[in-house]
Amino acid sequence: GLLPFAPGSDGGGSVRIPAAATGLVGLKPSRGLVPAGSGQESLAGLVVPGPLARSVADAAMLLDAMIGRVNGRIPHPFTLRAPEDADGDLLGAAVRGEGRFQIGVMTTTPWDDAYEIVRYASADDALALAVRELATMGHGLEDLALRPDPTYAPAFRTIWQAGAAGIPAEGAQLELLEPLTRWLVERGRALSARDLARALAQLAAYERSVIAQFAHVDAVLTPALAQEPRPIGWYDAEDGERNFAQQVRYTPYTSFANVTGLPAITLPVHLTDDGLPMGVQLIGRPGGEATLLAIGRQLERRLHWQRRHPPQW
């Protein structure tokens, strides 16, 4: 309750995951929607800025401000530009919340071949609730599954490690880093140029493949998290590689939206019996933020998550 909304950066889910774990709306825009030069400051263009907010409209309002249009135009003619499906600002699309769309419902993840991904019942409950509400509102729904791709997990790990290699820590300073960060740095510095080039090419191919697989629907619905928000101390504090695996198992649905550059929004549709938020994620077409905001607003009207408060408030 300290702020109406806040900006964040999302390179594998760092806007959407905390939003999903705390009952907020988290939106990762398409790569290039928020002006950022070439968009390649981070390896593979994974990192983009996006808003966290209590409501869909608040998230849209902050995103409009982050885009910074002047007289309806983005005043950065030489920046990488994402396509847009909206006429006018995104806040208008969020407030209106109009339209009926074809939505794919998906529980597969790109990590399924590399890790044992187990969804909690509460993740399925959140997904089922969203499906029921969307069906009631007249949206078209169909089952969808990602085509298995064994290159995704090792390629993403390589890029994640390579991205950490430049952290300015040497010698004894490395021992001051958390084990996960130290593991990423050490693995990243051991990579060859060939390793990096191969991983970049594989993720670029994966981007093209997923966009083609999703092209016949307006949005794809997944769980936001596979497990309920993790308790303090759950992540391995000694073994960095195991910590990475734990993060994958907890949040296997978010990183591939960064790889593909697609927009994605998490919505806190459900509460567990213990009062923990469990949500869903909607992934859109390139530049499809207006569609995601419209669907999100429709769900918000029915479920009223923006009115929830912790009992101690």
Protein backbone atom coordinates (compact mmCIF):
# COMPACT_ATOMS: atom_id res chain seq x y z
CA GLY A 1 0.00 0.00 0.00
CA LEU A 2 2.99 2.37 -0.11
CA LEU A 3 2.79 3.05 -3.86
CA PRO A 4 0.01 2.95 -6.47
CA PHE A 5 2.34 1.16 -8.90
CA ALA A 6 6.03 0.62 -9.57
CA PRO A 7 8.31 -0.01 -12.56
CA GLY A 8 10.49 -3.09 -12.73
CA SER A 9 12.72 -4.94 -15.17
CA ASP A 10 11.93 -8.41 -16.48
CA GLY A 11 14.64 -10.64 -17.97
CA GLY A 12 13.12 -14.03 -17.14
CA GLY A 13 10.07 -13.11 -15.08
CA SER A 14 11.29 -10.51 -12.58
CA VAL A 15 8.18 -8.35 -13.00
CA ARG A 16 5.65 -11.16 -13.38
CA ILE A 17 6.93 -13.56 -10.71
CA PRO A 18 6.90 -11.14 -7.74
CA ALA A 19 3.57 -9.77 -8.95
CA ALA A 20 2.10 -13.27 -9.04
CA ALA A 21 3.52 -14.08 -5.60
CA THR A 22 2.07 -10.94 -3.99
CA GLY A 23 -1.36 -10.62 -5.60
CA LEU A 24 -0.44 -7.90 -8.10
CA VAL A 25 -0.72 -7.41 -11.84
CA GLY A 26 2.66 -7.68 -13.59
CA LEU A 27 3.16 -6.83 -17.26
CA LYS A 28 6.20 -7.58 -19.41
CA PRO A 29 5.83 -5.62 -22.66
CA SER A 30 6.92 -6.73 -26.10
CA ARG A 31 10.60 -6.28 -26.81
CA GLY A 32 10.95 -2.74 -28.14
CA LEU A 33 7.64 -1.30 -26.93
CA VAL A 34 9.37 0.75 -24.24
CA PRO A 35 12.12 2.64 -26.10
CA ALA A 36 15.52 1.09 -25.34
CA GLY A 37 17.81 1.79 -28.27
CA SER A 38 18.73 -1.44 -30.03
CA GLY A 39 17.10 -3.56 -27.33
CA GLN A 40 20.29 -5.62 -27.15
CA GLU A 41 21.88 -4.17 -24.02
CA SER A 42 21.15 -7.53 -22.40
CA LEU A 43 22.23 -10.73 -24.15
CA ALA A 44 19.50 -12.03 -26.48
CA GLY A 45 17.42 -8.94 -25.69
CA LEU A 46 15.85 -10.69 -22.70
CA VAL A 47 15.41 -7.71 -20.36
CA VAL A 48 12.59 -5.20 -20.78
CA PRO A 49 11.04 -2.74 -18.30
CA GLY A 50 7.43 -3.16 -17.22
CA PRO A 51 4.89 -2.16 -14.55
CA LEU A 52 3.62 -3.81 -11.36
CA ALA A 53 0.27 -2.56 -10.05
CA ARG A 54 -2.84 -3.53 -8.12
CA SER A 55 -5.14 -3.14 -11.12
CA VAL A 56 -4.96 -3.65 -14.86
CA ALA A 57 -5.73 0.02 -15.54
CA ASP A 58 -2.96 1.17 -13.20
CA ALA A 59 -0.49 -1.13 -14.98
CA ALA A 60 -1.60 0.26 -18.35
CA MET A 61 -1.28 3.86 -17.14
CA LEU A 62 2.29 3.33 -15.94
CA LEU A 63 3.21 1.49 -19.14
CA ASP A 64 1.90 4.40 -21.21
CA ALA A 65 4.12 6.71 -19.16
CA MET A 66 7.13 4.42 -19.65
CA ILE A 67 6.57 4.44 -23.43
CA GLY A 68 6.46 8.23 -23.32
CA ARG A 69 4.42 9.06 -26.41
CA VAL A 70 4.23 12.70 -27.47
CA ASN A 71 1.08 13.59 -29.43
CA GLY A 72 0.47 9.88 -29.88
CA ARG A 73 3.92 9.13 -31.28
CA ILE A 74 7.03 7.62 -29.72
CA PRO A 75 9.70 10.35 -29.98
CA HIS A 76 12.59 7.94 -30.57
CA PRO A 77 12.79 7.33 -34.35
CA PHE A 78 15.97 5.26 -34.19
CA THR A 79 15.02 2.83 -31.44
CA LEU A 80 13.97 -0.77 -31.98
CA ARG A 81 10.19 -0.65 -32.34
CA ALA A 82 7.67 -3.33 -31.45
CA PRO A 83 4.46 -3.60 -33.49
CA GLU A 84 1.33 -2.30 -31.78
CA ASP A 85 -2.28 -3.46 -32.08
CA ALA A 86 -3.77 -0.47 -30.22
CA ASP A 87 -5.32 2.71 -31.56
CA GLY A 88 -4.54 5.29 -28.91
CA ASP A 89 -3.12 4.72 -25.47
CA LEU A 90 -3.07 1.41 -23.61
CA LEU A 91 -4.97 2.86 -20.66
CA GLY A 92 -8.00 3.24 -22.91
CA ALA A 93 -7.84 -0.43 -23.88
CA ALA A 94 -7.59 -1.42 -20.21
CA VAL A 95 -10.47 0.79 -19.08
CA ARG A 96 -12.78 -0.33 -21.89
CA GLY A 97 -11.94 -4.01 -21.49
CA GLU A 98 -13.75 -4.92 -24.68
CA GLY A 99 -13.60 -7.78 -27.16
CA ARG A 100 -13.93 -11.52 -27.49
CA PHE A 101 -10.80 -13.46 -28.34
CA GLN A 102 -9.50 -16.91 -29.20
CA ILE A 103 -7.31 -18.12 -26.34
CA GLY A 104 -5.05 -21.16 -26.16
CA VAL A 105 -4.84 -22.88 -22.78
CA MET A 106 -1.41 -24.38 -22.08
CA THR A 107 0.24 -26.22 -19.22
CA THR A 108 3.39 -27.45 -21.00
CA THR A 109 6.63 -25.52 -20.48
CA PRO A 110 9.92 -25.27 -22.39
CA TRP A 111 11.71 -26.81 -19.40
CA ASP A 112 9.75 -30.08 -19.39
CA ASP A 113 12.52 -32.11 -21.05
CA ALA A 114 15.25 -30.86 -18.69
CA TYR A 115 13.61 -30.69 -15.24
CA GLU A 116 10.80 -32.44 -13.43
CA ILE A 117 8.10 -29.77 -13.47
CA VAL A 118 5.28 -30.50 -11.01
CA ARG A 119 2.30 -28.16 -10.80
CA TYR A 120 0.63 -27.67 -7.45
CA ALA A 121 -3.12 -28.24 -7.31
CA SER A 122 -3.54 -24.54 -6.57
CA ALA A 123 -1.87 -23.67 -9.89
CA ASP A 124 -4.42 -25.85 -11.66
CA ASP A 125 -7.21 -24.29 -9.58
CA ALA A 126 -6.18 -20.80 -10.69
CA LEU A 127 -6.04 -21.88 -14.31
CA ALA A 128 -9.42 -23.63 -14.11
CA LEU A 129 -11.01 -20.55 -12.54
CA ALA A 130 -9.71 -18.31 -15.31
CA VAL A 131 -10.90 -20.77 -17.97
CA ARG A 132 -14.41 -20.87 -16.49
CA GLU A 133 -14.64 -17.09 -16.33
CA LEU A 134 -13.33 -16.64 -19.86
CA ALA A 135 -15.75 -19.23 -21.21
CA THR A 136 -18.65 -17.53 -19.41
CA MET A 137 -17.69 -14.24 -21.06
CA GLY A 138 -17.79 -15.82 -24.51
CA HIS A 139 -14.14 -16.18 -25.39
CA GLY A 140 -13.06 -19.07 -27.57
CA LEU A 141 -10.83 -21.56 -25.76
CA GLU A 142 -8.69 -24.39 -27.07
CA ASP A 143 -5.99 -26.63 -25.66
CA LEU A 144 -2.47 -25.81 -26.77
CA ALA A 145 0.89 -27.48 -26.15
CA LEU A 146 4.39 -26.23 -26.82
CA ARG A 147 6.31 -28.30 -29.33
CA PRO A 148 9.15 -29.99 -27.37
CA ASP A 149 12.54 -28.43 -28.04
CA PRO A 150 15.55 -29.93 -26.23
CA THR A 151 17.74 -26.95 -27.15
CA TYR A 152 15.82 -24.45 -25.00
CA ALA A 153 17.03 -25.33 -21.50
CA PRO A 154 20.79 -25.54 -22.25
CA ALA A 155 20.66 -22.46 -24.49
CA PHE A 156 18.84 -20.37 -21.88
CA ARG A 157 21.26 -21.51 -19.16
CA THR A 158 24.17 -20.52 -21.38
CA ILE A 159 22.77 -17.03 -22.01
CA TRP A 160 21.94 -16.57 -18.32
CA GLN A 161 25.48 -17.58 -17.36
CA ALA A 162 27.08 -15.43 -20.06
CA GLY A 163 25.04 -12.45 -18.91
CA ALA A 164 26.46 -12.83 -15.40
CA ALA A 165 30.06 -13.18 -16.60
CA GLY A 166 30.55 -9.43 -16.70
CA ILE A 167 29.64 -8.82 -13.06
CA PRO A 168 32.58 -6.77 -11.71
CA ALA A 169 33.83 -9.20 -9.09
CA GLU A 170 37.26 -10.84 -9.09
CA GLY A 171 39.21 -13.10 -6.76
CA ALA A 172 38.09 -12.80 -3.15
CA GLN A 173 35.18 -10.61 -4.23
CA LEU A 174 33.56 -13.63 -5.87
CA GLU A 175 33.25 -15.25 -2.46
CA LEU A 176 31.06 -12.34 -1.34
CA LEU A 177 28.44 -13.18 -3.97
CA GLU A 178 25.50 -15.45 -3.27
CA PRO A 179 26.15 -19.03 -4.40
CA LEU A 180 23.69 -18.80 -7.31
CA THR A 181 25.32 -15.62 -8.62
CA ARG A 182 28.82 -17.04 -8.14
CA TRP A 183 27.84 -20.23 -10.01
CA LEU A 184 26.45 -18.19 -12.90
CA VAL A 185 29.56 -15.97 -13.05
CA GLU A 186 32.00 -18.88 -12.95
CA ARG A 187 30.10 -20.88 -15.57
CA GLY A 188 29.70 -17.80 -17.74
CA ARG A 189 33.41 -17.00 -17.71
CA ALA A 190 34.21 -20.56 -18.77
CA LEU A 191 32.05 -20.36 -21.91
CA SER A 192 33.62 -20.09 -25.35
CA ALA A 193 32.54 -17.73 -28.11
CA ARG A 194 31.26 -20.77 -29.99
CA ASP A 195 29.10 -21.77 -27.00
CA LEU A 196 27.58 -18.29 -26.88
CA ALA A 197 27.00 -18.05 -30.62
CA ARG A 198 25.30 -21.45 -30.67
CA ALA A 199 23.00 -20.54 -27.77
CA LEU A 200 22.02 -17.22 -29.35
CA ALA A 201 21.20 -18.96 -32.63
CA GLN A 202 19.15 -21.63 -30.85
CA LEU A 203 17.10 -19.09 -28.91
CA ALA A 204 16.51 -17.05 -32.07
CA ALA A 205 15.19 -20.19 -33.76
CA TYR A 206 13.05 -20.91 -30.70
CA GLU A 207 11.57 -17.40 -30.91
CA ARG A 208 10.51 -17.95 -34.52
CA SER A 209 9.08 -21.37 -33.70
CA VAL A 210 6.95 -20.24 -30.75
CA ILE A 211 5.58 -17.18 -32.54
CA ALA A 212 4.50 -19.47 -35.38
CA GLN A 213 2.95 -21.98 -32.95
CA PHE A 214 0.90 -19.23 -31.28
CA ALA A 215 -0.03 -17.34 -34.46
CA HIS A 216 -3.57 -18.75 -34.75
CA VAL A 217 -4.70 -17.49 -31.31
CA ASP A 218 -4.99 -14.01 -29.84
CA ALA A 219 -3.46 -14.99 -26.50
CA VAL A 220 -2.16 -18.02 -24.60
CA LEU A 221 -3.21 -18.73 -21.01
CA THR A 222 -0.85 -20.54 -18.61
CA PRO A 223 -0.41 -20.79 -14.85
CA ALA A 224 1.65 -17.88 -13.56
CA LEU A 225 3.59 -20.11 -11.14
CA ALA A 226 3.87 -23.89 -10.93
CA GLN A 227 4.11 -23.79 -7.13
CA GLU A 228 2.74 -21.56 -4.42
CA PRO A 229 4.91 -18.61 -3.27
CA ARG A 230 8.00 -20.10 -1.67
CA PRO A 231 8.68 -19.71 2.07
CA ILE A 232 11.75 -17.84 3.29
CA GLY A 233 14.71 -20.22 3.36
CA TRP A 234 13.32 -22.59 0.74
CA TYR A 235 15.95 -21.83 -1.91
CA ASP A 236 19.26 -23.65 -1.47
CA ALA A 237 21.67 -21.15 0.10
CA GLU A 238 24.82 -23.22 -0.63
CA ASP A 239 24.42 -24.92 -4.02
CA GLY A 240 23.97 -22.41 -6.85
CA GLU A 241 23.12 -25.00 -9.49
CA ARG A 242 20.41 -26.52 -7.30
CA ASN A 243 19.07 -23.03 -6.56
CA PHE A 244 18.74 -22.41 -10.31
CA ALA A 245 16.86 -25.69 -10.71
CA GLN A 246 14.51 -24.72 -7.88
CA GLN A 247 13.75 -21.44 -9.60
CA VAL A 248 12.97 -23.24 -12.85
CA ARG A 249 10.58 -25.62 -11.08
CA TYR A 250 8.85 -22.75 -9.29
CA THR A 251 8.51 -20.49 -12.34
CA PRO A 252 8.77 -22.52 -15.56
CA TYR A 253 6.27 -20.42 -17.53
CA THR A 254 7.87 -16.99 -17.61
CA SER A 255 11.32 -17.04 -19.24
CA PHE A 256 10.25 -18.12 -22.71
CA ALA A 257 8.21 -14.91 -23.11
CA ASN A 258 11.51 -13.03 -22.72
CA VAL A 259 13.24 -15.25 -25.26
CA THR A 260 10.44 -14.77 -27.80
CA GLY A 261 9.98 -11.06 -27.05
CA LEU A 262 6.23 -11.58 -26.60
CA PRO A 263 4.14 -9.51 -24.18
CA ALA A 264 2.90 -11.30 -21.06
CA ILE A 265 0.77 -10.30 -18.09
CA THR A 266 0.19 -12.11 -14.80
CA LEU A 267 -3.18 -11.75 -13.10
CA PRO A 268 -3.89 -12.72 -9.44
CA VAL A 269 -7.15 -14.57 -10.04
CA HIS A 270 -7.10 -17.03 -7.12
CA LEU A 271 -6.33 -17.35 -3.41
CA THR A 272 -5.38 -20.61 -1.71
CA ASP A 273 -7.07 -21.74 1.51
CA ASP A 274 -4.09 -20.23 3.34
CA GLY A 275 -4.62 -16.89 1.62
CA LEU A 276 -1.68 -17.11 -0.78
CA PRO A 277 -2.19 -15.60 -4.24
CA MET A 278 -2.06 -17.91 -7.24
CA GLY A 279 -2.52 -16.44 -10.66
CA VAL A 280 -2.46 -17.00 -14.37
CA GLN A 281 -0.37 -15.60 -17.20
CA LEU A 282 -1.60 -14.37 -20.57
CA ILE A 283 0.93 -14.24 -23.42
CA GLY A 284 0.07 -12.17 -26.47
CA ARG A 285 1.11 -11.71 -30.05
CA PRO A 286 4.00 -9.34 -30.82
CA GLY A 287 2.71 -5.90 -29.86
CA GLY A 288 -0.45 -7.41 -28.40
CA GLU A 289 -0.52 -5.52 -25.10
CA ALA A 290 -3.96 -4.01 -25.74
CA THR A 291 -5.48 -7.47 -26.11
CA LEU A 292 -3.87 -8.69 -22.88
CA LEU A 293 -5.06 -5.62 -21.00
CA ALA A 294 -8.60 -6.00 -22.34
CA ILE A 295 -8.81 -9.66 -21.29
CA GLY A 296 -7.21 -8.87 -17.95
CA ARG A 297 -9.69 -6.09 -17.27
CA GLN A 298 -12.61 -8.39 -18.08
CA LEU A 299 -11.36 -10.94 -15.55
CA GLU A 300 -10.72 -8.19 -13.01
CA ARG A 301 -14.32 -6.96 -13.28
CA ARG A 302 -15.56 -10.42 -12.34
CA LEU A 303 -13.00 -11.37 -9.68
CA HIS A 304 -12.23 -7.98 -8.04
CA TRP A 305 -8.67 -8.84 -6.98
CA GLN A 306 -7.79 -5.14 -6.79
CA ARG A 307 -9.98 -4.91 -3.66
CA ARG A 308 -8.10 -7.57 -1.71
CA HIS A 309 -6.01 -6.63 1.30
CA PRO A 310 -3.96 -8.72 3.72
CA PRO A 311 -6.00 -9.36 6.90
CA GLN A 312 -3.60 -7.32 9.05
CA TRP A 313 -4.34 -4.12 7.07
